[in-house]
Protein backbone atom coordinates (compact mmCIF):
# COMPACT_ATOMS: atom_id res chain seq x y z
CA MET A 1 73.21 115.01 89.58
CA ILE A 2 74.76 118.49 89.23
CA LEU A 3 72.70 121.17 90.88
CA PRO A 4 72.07 124.11 88.53
CA GLN A 5 74.19 127.13 89.34
CA SER A 6 75.02 130.55 87.96
CA HIS A 7 78.55 131.51 86.94
CA THR A 8 81.32 131.57 89.50
CA SER A 9 82.26 135.01 90.86
CA SER A 10 85.21 135.49 88.51
CA TYR A 11 86.53 138.49 86.65
CA TYR A 12 85.20 136.91 83.48
CA ALA A 13 81.66 136.64 84.80
CA ALA A 14 81.83 140.24 86.05
CA SER A 15 82.95 141.48 82.62
CA ALA A 16 80.76 139.30 80.40
CA ASN A 17 79.35 141.07 77.34
CA GLN A 18 76.14 139.05 77.27
CA HIS A 19 73.73 138.01 79.99
CA VAL A 20 71.47 135.65 78.08
CA ASP A 21 69.34 133.09 79.90
CA TYR A 22 68.46 130.11 77.73
CA ALA A 23 65.29 128.33 78.85
CA PRO A 24 65.47 124.87 80.45
CA LEU A 25 64.45 121.85 78.40
CA LYS A 26 60.76 121.06 78.84
CA GLY A 27 58.84 118.44 76.95
CA ALA A 28 59.94 115.96 74.30
CA VAL A 29 61.80 117.30 71.25
CA ARG A 30 63.63 115.80 68.28
CA ALA A 31 66.96 116.76 66.74
CA ASP A 32 69.58 115.53 64.34
CA VAL A 33 72.24 115.87 67.04
CA CYS A 34 72.02 116.40 70.79
CA VAL A 35 75.15 117.83 72.44
CA ILE A 36 75.52 117.46 76.20
CA GLY A 37 77.54 120.32 77.65
CA ALA A 38 77.74 123.99 76.63
CA GLY A 39 81.41 124.65 77.15
CA PHE A 40 83.91 125.12 74.33
CA THR A 41 83.71 121.53 73.09
CA GLY A 42 79.92 121.45 73.03
CA ILE A 43 79.42 124.94 71.63
CA SER A 44 82.16 124.47 69.02
CA THR A 45 80.51 121.21 67.96
CA ALA A 46 77.09 122.85 67.79
CA LEU A 47 78.34 125.78 65.73
CA HIS A 48 80.14 123.53 63.25
CA LEU A 49 77.02 121.41 62.87
CA ALA A 50 74.68 124.39 62.57
CA GLU A 51 76.89 125.79 59.82
CA ARG A 52 76.41 122.51 57.96
CA GLY A 53 72.63 122.65 58.28
CA PHE A 54 72.06 120.20 61.11
CA ASN A 55 69.25 120.61 63.61
CA VAL A 56 71.34 120.59 66.80
CA HIS A 57 70.18 120.92 70.40
CA VAL A 58 72.61 121.60 73.27
CA VAL A 59 71.67 120.53 76.81
CA GLU A 60 73.60 122.22 79.64
CA ALA A 61 73.34 121.51 83.37
CA ASN A 62 74.19 125.07 84.37
CA LYS A 63 75.05 128.02 82.09
CA VAL A 64 76.87 128.37 78.78
CA GLY A 65 80.57 128.50 79.65
CA TRP A 66 79.90 127.64 83.31
CA GLY A 67 82.83 125.22 83.67
CA ALA A 68 86.48 125.52 82.68
CA SER A 69 85.58 127.18 79.37
CA GLY A 70 84.43 130.28 81.23
CA ARG A 71 86.98 130.23 84.06
CA ASN A 72 90.37 129.42 82.54
CA GLY A 73 93.45 131.60 82.17
CA GLY A 74 92.51 132.67 78.66
CA GLN A 75 95.83 131.43 77.28
CA MET A 76 95.52 130.34 73.65
CA ILE A 77 98.35 127.82 73.40
CA GLY A 78 99.13 125.76 70.32
CA GLY A 79 99.90 122.07 70.35
CA ILE A 80 98.12 119.03 71.68
CA SER A 81 99.01 117.74 75.11
CA GLY A 82 100.53 114.28 74.82
CA ASP A 83 101.38 114.74 71.16
CA SER A 84 104.76 112.99 71.51
CA LYS A 85 103.00 109.80 72.66
CA MET A 86 100.55 110.09 69.79
CA ALA A 87 103.30 110.71 67.22
CA SER A 88 105.20 107.61 68.30
CA ALA A 89 102.05 105.56 67.78
CA LEU A 90 101.34 107.11 64.37
CA GLY A 91 104.81 107.02 62.81
CA VAL A 92 106.72 109.62 60.79
CA GLU A 93 103.67 111.00 59.01
CA GLY A 94 101.88 111.28 62.33
CA GLU A 95 104.20 114.01 63.57
CA ARG A 96 103.20 116.34 60.76
CA ILE A 97 99.51 115.48 61.11
CA LEU A 98 99.65 116.27 64.83
CA TRP A 99 101.60 119.47 64.23
CA ASP A 100 98.94 120.76 61.87
CA MET A 101 96.10 119.70 64.18
CA GLY A 102 97.87 121.40 67.08
CA TRP A 103 97.33 124.80 65.46
CA ALA A 104 93.93 124.18 63.89
CA GLY A 105 92.03 125.35 66.97
CA HIS A 106 93.68 128.76 66.78
CA GLU A 107 92.56 129.24 63.22
CA ILE A 108 89.03 128.16 64.09
CA ILE A 109 88.92 130.70 66.92
CA ARG A 110 90.23 133.53 64.75
CA GLU A 111 87.80 132.67 61.97
CA ARG A 112 84.88 132.55 64.41
CA VAL A 113 85.78 135.89 65.96
CA SER A 114 86.03 137.49 62.53
CA THR A 115 82.97 135.88 60.94
CA TYR A 116 80.59 136.49 63.84
CA ALA A 117 82.14 139.73 65.17
CA ILE A 118 82.70 138.25 68.63
CA ASP A 119 84.01 140.80 71.13
CA CYS A 120 86.36 138.73 73.31
CA ASP A 121 89.64 140.70 73.54
CA LEU A 122 91.47 138.27 71.23
CA LYS A 123 95.17 139.21 71.03
CA SER A 124 98.35 137.65 69.66
CA GLY A 125 101.50 137.29 71.72
CA TYR A 126 102.66 134.60 74.12
CA VAL A 127 105.84 133.69 75.98
CA ASP A 128 106.99 130.31 77.27
CA VAL A 129 109.48 131.11 80.04
CA ALA A 130 112.37 129.02 81.39
CA ILE A 131 113.25 128.63 85.06
CA LYS A 132 116.06 126.08 84.73
CA PRO A 133 118.67 125.25 82.05
CA ARG A 134 116.73 122.13 81.03
CA HIS A 135 113.75 124.36 80.27
CA VAL A 136 115.90 126.45 77.93
CA ARG A 137 116.99 123.28 76.13
CA ASP A 138 113.38 122.20 75.75
CA LEU A 139 112.43 125.59 74.30
CA GLU A 140 115.34 125.44 71.87
CA THR A 141 114.10 122.04 70.69
CA TYR A 142 110.64 123.47 70.15
CA HIS A 143 112.14 126.47 68.34
CA ARG A 144 113.72 124.05 65.89
CA LEU A 145 110.30 122.48 65.28
CA LEU A 146 108.89 125.91 64.44
CA GLN A 147 111.68 126.30 61.91
CA LYS A 148 111.23 122.78 60.54
CA TYR A 149 107.55 123.35 59.79
CA ASP A 150 107.96 126.91 58.45
CA PHE A 151 105.74 128.36 61.16
CA PRO A 152 103.98 131.37 59.60
CA HIS A 153 103.92 133.65 62.68
CA ASP A 154 106.78 135.54 64.32
CA TYR A 155 108.74 133.65 66.97
CA GLN A 156 112.04 134.23 68.75
CA MET A 157 114.27 132.70 71.41
CA LEU A 158 115.05 135.27 74.10
CA SER A 159 118.12 135.48 76.30
CA LYS A 160 117.95 135.94 80.06
CA HIS A 161 118.39 139.70 79.76
CA GLU A 162 115.89 139.99 76.91
CA THR A 163 113.35 138.03 78.94
CA GLN A 164 113.90 140.21 81.99
CA ASP A 165 113.54 143.38 79.92
CA LEU A 166 110.38 142.09 78.26
CA LEU A 167 108.60 140.95 81.42
CA GLY A 168 110.07 143.15 84.14
CA THR A 169 111.19 140.26 86.36
CA ASP A 170 114.36 138.33 87.08
CA ALA A 171 112.42 135.11 87.77
CA TYR A 172 113.29 133.56 84.38
CA ILE A 173 116.52 132.70 82.58
CA GLY A 174 115.21 132.67 79.03
CA ALA A 175 112.07 132.35 76.95
CA LEU A 176 110.49 131.56 73.61
CA ARG A 177 108.16 134.20 72.28
CA ASN A 178 105.52 132.98 69.84
CA ASP A 179 103.06 135.37 68.25
CA GLY A 180 101.07 132.49 66.79
CA ASN A 181 99.74 131.97 70.29
CA GLY A 182 97.82 134.58 72.24
CA HIS A 183 95.11 135.21 74.79
CA VAL A 184 91.39 135.83 74.97
CA HIS A 185 88.46 136.52 77.31
CA PRO A 186 87.27 132.88 77.31
CA LEU A 187 83.76 133.39 78.64
CA ASN A 188 82.98 136.11 76.10
CA LEU A 189 84.34 133.85 73.36
CA CYS A 190 82.11 130.96 74.47
CA LEU A 191 79.05 133.20 74.83
CA GLY A 192 79.70 134.73 71.40
CA GLU A 193 80.01 131.34 69.75
CA ALA A 194 76.81 130.19 71.44
CA ALA A 195 74.98 133.24 70.09
CA ALA A 196 76.39 132.46 66.63
CA ALA A 197 75.13 128.87 66.81
CA VAL A 198 71.66 130.03 67.87
CA SER A 199 71.60 132.55 65.02
CA LEU A 200 72.04 129.59 62.65
CA GLY A 201 69.19 127.61 64.16
CA ALA A 202 70.79 125.71 67.05
CA THR A 203 68.82 125.42 70.30
CA ILE A 204 70.45 125.71 73.73
CA TYR A 205 68.88 124.63 77.01
CA GLU A 206 70.41 125.78 80.31
CA GLN A 207 69.71 124.56 83.86
CA SER A 208 68.92 121.11 82.44
CA PRO A 209 71.10 118.38 84.00
CA VAL A 210 70.95 115.14 82.04
CA LEU A 211 69.74 112.15 84.06
CA GLU A 212 70.04 109.36 81.52
CA ILE A 213 70.81 108.51 77.92
CA LYS A 214 68.58 105.79 76.47
CA ARG A 215 70.45 103.99 73.72
CA GLY A 216 69.07 102.64 70.49
CA GLU A 217 68.93 103.36 66.78
CA LYS A 218 68.05 106.86 67.95
CA ALA A 219 69.31 107.93 71.37
CA THR A 220 67.17 109.83 73.85
CA VAL A 221 68.71 112.30 76.30
CA ILE A 222 66.50 112.66 79.38
CA THR A 223 66.33 115.52 81.88
CA GLU A 224 63.92 116.09 84.77
CA GLU A 225 61.43 117.98 82.63
CA GLY A 226 62.10 116.91 79.08
CA SER A 227 63.97 114.83 76.53
CA VAL A 228 65.78 115.12 73.21
CA THR A 229 65.64 112.20 70.78
CA ALA A 230 68.45 112.43 68.22
CA ASP A 231 70.31 110.48 65.56
CA PHE A 232 73.61 111.34 67.29
CA VAL A 233 74.62 112.34 70.82
CA VAL A 234 77.90 114.13 71.60
CA LEU A 235 79.13 114.08 75.20
CA ALA A 236 81.11 117.25 75.91
CA GLY A 237 81.13 117.59 79.69
CA ASN A 238 84.89 117.08 80.21
CA ALA A 239 85.82 117.32 83.93
CA TYR A 240 82.22 118.15 84.84
CA HIS A 241 80.84 114.98 83.27
CA PHE A 242 79.25 112.71 85.88
CA LEU A 243 76.86 110.72 83.69
CA GLU A 244 78.87 107.85 82.20
CA PRO A 245 80.98 105.81 84.68
CA LYS A 246 83.40 104.82 81.92
CA LEU A 247 84.31 108.43 81.25
CA ARG A 248 84.72 109.25 84.95
CA GLY A 249 87.25 106.47 85.32
CA ILE A 250 89.68 107.66 82.63
CA LEU A 251 89.98 111.32 83.59
CA PHE A 252 91.52 113.19 86.53
CA PRO A 253 89.62 116.33 87.52
CA VAL A 254 92.34 118.81 88.56
CA ASN A 255 91.61 122.16 90.16
CA SER A 256 93.26 125.33 88.96
CA PHE A 257 92.89 128.82 90.44
CA ILE A 258 93.23 132.43 89.30
CA ILE A 259 93.44 135.80 91.00
CA GLY A 260 92.55 139.09 89.34
CA SER A 261 94.02 142.43 90.44
CA GLU A 262 92.57 145.87 90.36
CA PRO A 263 93.35 147.72 87.08
CA LEU A 264 97.06 148.51 87.05
CA SER A 265 98.50 151.95 86.40
CA ASP A 266 100.18 152.64 83.07
CA ALA A 267 103.50 152.85 84.91
CA LEU A 268 103.11 149.33 86.34
CA VAL A 269 101.96 147.92 83.01
CA ASP A 270 105.04 149.42 81.36
CA GLN A 271 107.19 147.69 83.97
CA ILE A 272 105.75 144.20 83.88
CA ASN A 273 104.13 143.56 80.50
CA PRO A 274 104.25 146.51 78.11
CA GLN A 275 103.63 144.30 75.05
CA ASP A 276 100.50 142.66 76.51
CA LEU A 277 101.69 139.05 76.30
CA ALA A 278 100.40 135.87 77.86
CA VAL A 279 103.06 134.09 79.93
CA CYS A 280 103.35 130.49 81.10
CA ASP A 281 106.11 128.56 82.87
CA PRO A 282 107.00 124.90 82.07
CA ASN A 283 106.39 123.28 85.45
CA TYR A 284 103.81 120.57 86.03
CA ILE A 285 102.48 122.67 88.93
CA LEU A 286 102.62 125.63 86.61
CA GLU A 287 102.02 129.35 86.94
CA TYR A 288 100.62 131.53 84.17
CA PHE A 289 99.56 135.14 83.83
CA ARG A 290 98.49 137.87 81.48
CA LEU A 291 96.76 141.25 81.45
CA SER A 292 93.04 141.65 80.90
CA ALA A 293 91.67 144.24 78.48
CA ASP A 294 91.31 146.72 81.36
CA LYS A 295 94.90 145.97 82.51
CA ARG A 296 94.28 143.73 85.48
CA LEU A 297 96.88 141.09 86.19
CA LEU A 298 95.26 137.65 85.93
CA PHE A 299 97.61 135.21 87.65
CA GLY A 300 96.90 131.50 87.83
CA GLY A 301 98.31 128.35 89.35
CA ARG A 302 97.48 125.03 90.95
CA PHE A 303 97.54 123.99 94.58
CA THR A 304 95.85 121.35 96.68
CA TYR A 305 92.52 122.85 97.57
CA PHE A 306 89.02 121.64 96.81
CA GLY A 307 86.98 124.69 97.80
CA SER A 308 86.12 127.99 96.17
CA ASP A 309 86.70 130.66 98.87
CA PRO A 310 88.20 133.70 97.08
CA GLU A 311 90.21 134.66 100.16
CA VAL A 312 91.83 131.22 100.42
CA ILE A 313 92.70 131.40 96.73
CA LYS A 314 94.25 134.85 97.14
CA GLN A 315 96.20 133.77 100.22
CA ASN A 316 97.78 130.95 98.21
CA LEU A 317 98.47 132.73 94.93
CA ILE A 318 99.42 136.28 95.91
CA PRO A 319 102.68 135.20 97.63
CA ARG A 320 103.63 133.20 94.54
CA MET A 321 102.84 136.16 92.31
CA LEU A 322 104.96 138.48 94.48
CA LYS A 323 108.02 136.28 93.97
CA ILE A 324 107.75 137.21 90.30
CA TYR A 325 106.50 140.78 90.68
CA PRO A 326 107.42 142.24 94.09
CA GLN A 327 106.59 145.67 92.63
CA LEU A 328 102.90 144.68 92.99
CA ALA A 329 103.11 144.39 96.80
CA ASN A 330 100.64 147.22 97.31
CA THR A 331 98.23 146.09 94.59
CA LYS A 332 94.73 145.07 95.59
CA PHE A 333 93.31 141.84 94.19
CA ASP A 334 89.59 142.00 93.49
CA TYR A 335 88.97 138.42 92.38
CA GLY A 336 89.89 134.88 93.29
CA TRP A 337 88.23 131.88 91.67
CA GLY A 338 88.84 128.35 90.55
CA GLY A 339 87.57 125.56 88.38
CA THR A 340 88.30 122.03 87.27
CA ILE A 341 90.18 120.89 84.19
CA GLY A 342 90.20 117.37 82.79
CA VAL A 343 93.62 115.70 82.75
CA SER A 344 94.16 112.29 81.21
CA ALA A 345 96.77 109.96 82.70
CA ASN A 346 98.84 109.99 79.49
CA ARG A 347 97.98 113.65 78.72
CA VAL A 348 96.39 112.64 75.38
CA PRO A 349 92.92 114.09 74.62
CA GLN A 350 90.28 111.39 74.73
CA MET A 351 87.81 110.82 71.90
CA GLY A 352 85.77 107.73 71.32
CA ARG A 353 82.40 105.99 71.07
CA LEU A 354 80.12 104.68 73.77
CA ALA A 355 77.69 103.39 71.13
CA PRO A 356 77.56 103.67 67.33
CA ASN A 357 75.68 106.98 67.63
CA ILE A 358 77.13 108.28 70.95
CA ILE A 359 80.57 109.90 70.83
CA TYR A 360 82.61 111.91 73.32
CA SER A 361 85.59 114.23 73.65
CA GLN A 362 87.40 115.22 76.85
CA GLY A 363 90.75 115.44 78.67
CA TYR A 364 92.61 118.39 77.13
CA SER A 365 95.12 118.58 80.01
CA GLY A 366 95.62 122.34 80.04
CA HIS A 367 95.40 123.05 76.29
CA GLY A 368 91.65 123.40 76.31
CA VAL A 369 91.07 126.77 74.65
CA ASN A 370 92.78 125.59 71.49
CA VAL A 371 92.05 121.85 71.41
CA THR A 372 88.35 122.12 72.31
CA HIS A 373 87.78 124.08 69.11
CA LEU A 374 89.56 121.41 67.10
CA ALA A 375 87.56 118.77 68.98
CA GLY A 376 84.28 120.44 68.06
CA GLN A 377 85.25 120.33 64.40
CA ILE A 378 86.27 116.67 64.71
CA MET A 379 82.98 115.79 66.46
CA ALA A 380 81.06 117.48 63.64
CA ASP A 381 83.15 115.66 61.03
CA THR A 382 82.43 112.37 62.77
CA VAL A 383 78.68 112.98 62.73
CA CYS A 384 79.06 113.58 59.00
CA GLY A 385 80.95 110.31 58.54
CA THR A 386 84.49 111.67 58.17
CA LEU A 387 86.56 109.75 60.74
CA GLU A 388 90.23 110.27 59.88
CA ARG A 389 91.07 112.73 62.67
CA PHE A 390 88.65 111.13 65.14
CA ASP A 391 90.42 107.81 64.66
CA VAL A 392 93.80 109.39 65.42
CA PHE A 393 92.61 110.01 68.97
CA ALA A 394 90.29 107.01 69.33
CA LYS A 395 93.15 104.59 68.61
CA ILE A 396 95.09 105.83 71.67
CA LYS A 397 93.44 103.83 74.43
CA PRO A 398 93.02 105.74 77.71
CA LEU A 399 94.24 104.36 81.01
CA TRP A 400 91.39 103.17 83.26
CA ILE A 401 91.91 104.20 86.88
CA PRO A 402 89.85 102.00 89.23
CA GLY A 403 88.07 103.98 91.94
CA GLN A 404 89.20 107.30 90.53
CA HIS A 405 85.77 108.89 90.90
CA LEU A 406 85.55 107.71 94.53
CA PHE A 407 89.02 108.80 95.69
CA ARG A 408 89.83 111.53 93.22
CA ASN A 409 90.69 114.21 95.80
CA GLN A 410 93.20 111.93 97.51
CA MET A 411 94.69 110.87 94.19
CA VAL A 412 94.96 114.45 92.96
CA ALA A 413 96.67 115.46 96.22
CA LEU A 414 99.21 112.65 95.83
CA GLY A 415 99.76 113.66 92.20
CA MET A 416 100.39 117.26 93.24
CA MET A 417 103.02 116.08 95.74
CA TYR A 418 104.71 113.95 93.10
CA TYR A 419 104.82 116.67 90.45
CA ASN A 420 106.05 119.23 92.96
CA LEU A 421 109.05 116.96 93.48
CA VAL A 422 109.53 116.59 89.72
CA ASP A 423 109.47 120.36 89.26
CA ARG A 424 112.22 120.80 91.84
CA LEU A 425 114.66 118.46 90.07
């Protein structure tokens, strides 16, 4: 059982626009749909269903946006992780279907922000950077895909010198700029979408860990102090899901960490990121960064650590950041935090059924801001009986990893060692 907690001490929590406390679930209630988990997947699902007139109740163990949805790098990146594996399974038409789905989450986010006036610092502008010649070749291949599909936003391959001028660092040898991607304050987005769902009649319960799901023609979701009986249940806990053993065994929980600086001077901003772009490198053990609305550098990466001490996080990430931006040597870092993302063994998002009226979605493997919003729409479609996109994912069978939930830290540590070697090749 997950013990109820407040938000982690991140920059996002410190700058949240809303501080709403939703009451815990008490007593027995009925709903059309019960969603377990109030991160992006669960809240997106609830909002889509509420817009269609469903009576939807969301049950959350902690707080809205408590997990990766409220802690991530805020990078809004198009595409679906593992899409090449999915395309090969779906044939020629599958490539186009996956391409379109890979950008659908962005459009959902932009529409939500506009429709419900969500204040979440949503901005366009993103750069994939290259460290090695093979990275440049990969970006050129992706550039050709953008051309092939008549991508409607501005995009441009950048030379080594153009990249250095744009980002104020000589760490990269080229880049692909894509203004169809962007960045966002993820916690404020999740909180805003939750408020929108409630405004349409959805009910959210916080501090209500689920203990059991009783299956039947109607399923009953049980917590310590209450229950929700519903026609449909949607499991949306991702890496923080501990309820169903089957779902634990097909997902790696991988920790990622972020540091947040003090607000930078205009002179430093002009040096390192004058166009306010999100940046991400192509490594498996990747690094990513962007500026917040108040011009803090938010710099993220992965390393083998299973704690949450801000000082340990800073000690690991600041030296890596200084290799890119030595001009920030005298900059103070106010925040250091981490969280867990769900990574599938084949990198393909996982959607499926545990029972005819119990469905799930998880395993976005680093593309969560975008794909969770698509997933919420697909979950809502599935409840309504439209299964085409759900089946695309459900047909890709996940790899079962025996003992994963018992030895996950050791397995993640070995995986980090392996991918560090791959990155160096």
